[in-house]
Amino acid sequence: MVDDWIPQPLELVLDTERDRFGVVVGWDQDTRQITLRPLGGGRTWRPTRYRRATTTDKLRARVSELNREGRRGW
């Protein structure tokens, strides 16, 4: 987590403990905690360590999502 960065709603973030991507759906300014939702939907979670997704991260997340969608079609 970067102290001066405030995650914006719908911004892609990487949970660095779980190595899992999520979209910001909540932000508590007092505790500086965020709530993330998986890219394809699902249960939200509150990571303790996270960072802004880089361009490479965004590509990796998109490829993972496309692979997941492809597996659902089987």
Protein backbone atom coordinates (compact mmCIF):
# COMPACT_ATOMS: atom_id res chain seq x y z
CA MET A 1 0.00 0.00 0.00
CA VAL A 2 1.29 3.45 -0.87
CA ASP A 3 0.50 6.13 1.72
CA ASP A 4 -0.29 8.98 -0.67
CA TRP A 5 -2.27 6.91 -3.19
CA ILE A 6 -6.03 6.65 -2.71
CA PRO A 7 -7.62 3.86 -4.76
CA GLN A 8 -10.51 5.03 -6.90
CA PRO A 9 -13.81 3.16 -7.39
CA LEU A 10 -13.56 0.50 -10.11
CA GLU A 11 -9.76 0.77 -10.22
CA LEU A 12 -7.88 -2.49 -10.70
CA VAL A 13 -5.73 -3.38 -7.68
CA LEU A 14 -3.45 -6.30 -6.87
CA ASP A 15 -3.79 -7.96 -3.47
CA THR A 16 -0.09 -8.68 -2.95
CA GLU A 17 -0.62 -11.27 -0.20
CA ARG A 18 -2.95 -13.43 -2.28
CA ASP A 19 -1.55 -12.47 -5.70
CA ARG A 20 -5.15 -11.82 -6.71
CA PHE A 21 -6.66 -8.98 -8.71
CA GLY A 22 -9.75 -7.11 -7.70
CA VAL A 23 -11.75 -4.03 -8.54
CA VAL A 24 -12.14 -1.40 -5.82
CA VAL A 25 -15.74 -1.28 -4.62
CA GLY A 26 -15.18 0.34 -1.24
CA TRP A 27 -12.77 2.64 0.59
CA ASP A 28 -12.68 3.50 4.28
CA GLN A 29 -10.76 6.74 4.62
CA ASP A 30 -10.34 6.42 8.40
CA THR A 31 -8.73 2.96 8.32
CA ARG A 32 -7.37 3.22 4.74
CA GLN A 33 -8.89 -0.18 4.02
CA ILE A 34 -10.32 -1.08 0.65
CA THR A 35 -12.88 -3.63 -0.39
CA LEU A 36 -12.23 -5.54 -3.60
CA ARG A 37 -14.48 -7.59 -5.88
CA PRO A 38 -13.10 -10.23 -8.25
CA LEU A 39 -13.01 -9.17 -11.90
CA GLY A 40 -15.65 -11.68 -12.95
CA GLY A 41 -17.86 -10.97 -9.95
CA GLY A 42 -18.14 -12.88 -6.71
CA ARG A 43 -17.48 -12.36 -3.03
CA THR A 44 -15.74 -9.21 -1.90
CA TRP A 45 -12.73 -9.20 0.39
CA ARG A 46 -10.56 -6.71 2.28
CA PRO A 47 -6.86 -7.05 1.52
CA THR A 48 -4.29 -5.92 4.05
CA ARG A 49 -1.52 -5.39 1.49
CA TYR A 50 -2.21 -4.14 -2.00
CA ARG A 51 -0.90 -1.95 -4.77
CA ARG A 52 -2.08 -0.26 -7.92
CA ALA A 53 -2.08 -2.57 -10.94
CA THR A 54 0.64 -1.86 -13.50
CA THR A 55 0.07 -2.13 -17.25
CA THR A 56 1.57 -5.63 -17.15
CA ASP A 57 -0.73 -6.56 -14.25
CA LYS A 58 -3.75 -5.35 -16.22
CA LEU A 59 -2.77 -7.53 -19.16
CA ARG A 60 -2.22 -10.52 -16.87
CA ALA A 61 -5.61 -9.98 -15.24
CA ARG A 62 -7.36 -9.75 -18.61
CA VAL A 63 -5.71 -12.94 -19.91
CA SER A 64 -6.72 -14.76 -16.71
CA GLU A 65 -10.30 -13.56 -17.11
CA LEU A 66 -10.43 -14.68 -20.76
CA ASN A 67 -9.05 -18.09 -19.79
CA ARG A 68 -11.67 -18.41 -17.05
CA GLU A 69 -14.44 -17.50 -19.51
CA GLY A 70 -13.11 -20.07 -21.97
CA ARG A 71 -13.20 -22.82 -19.36
CA ARG A 72 -16.82 -22.02 -18.53
CA GLY A 73 -17.77 -22.80 -22.12
CA TRP A 74 -16.68 -26.44 -21.84
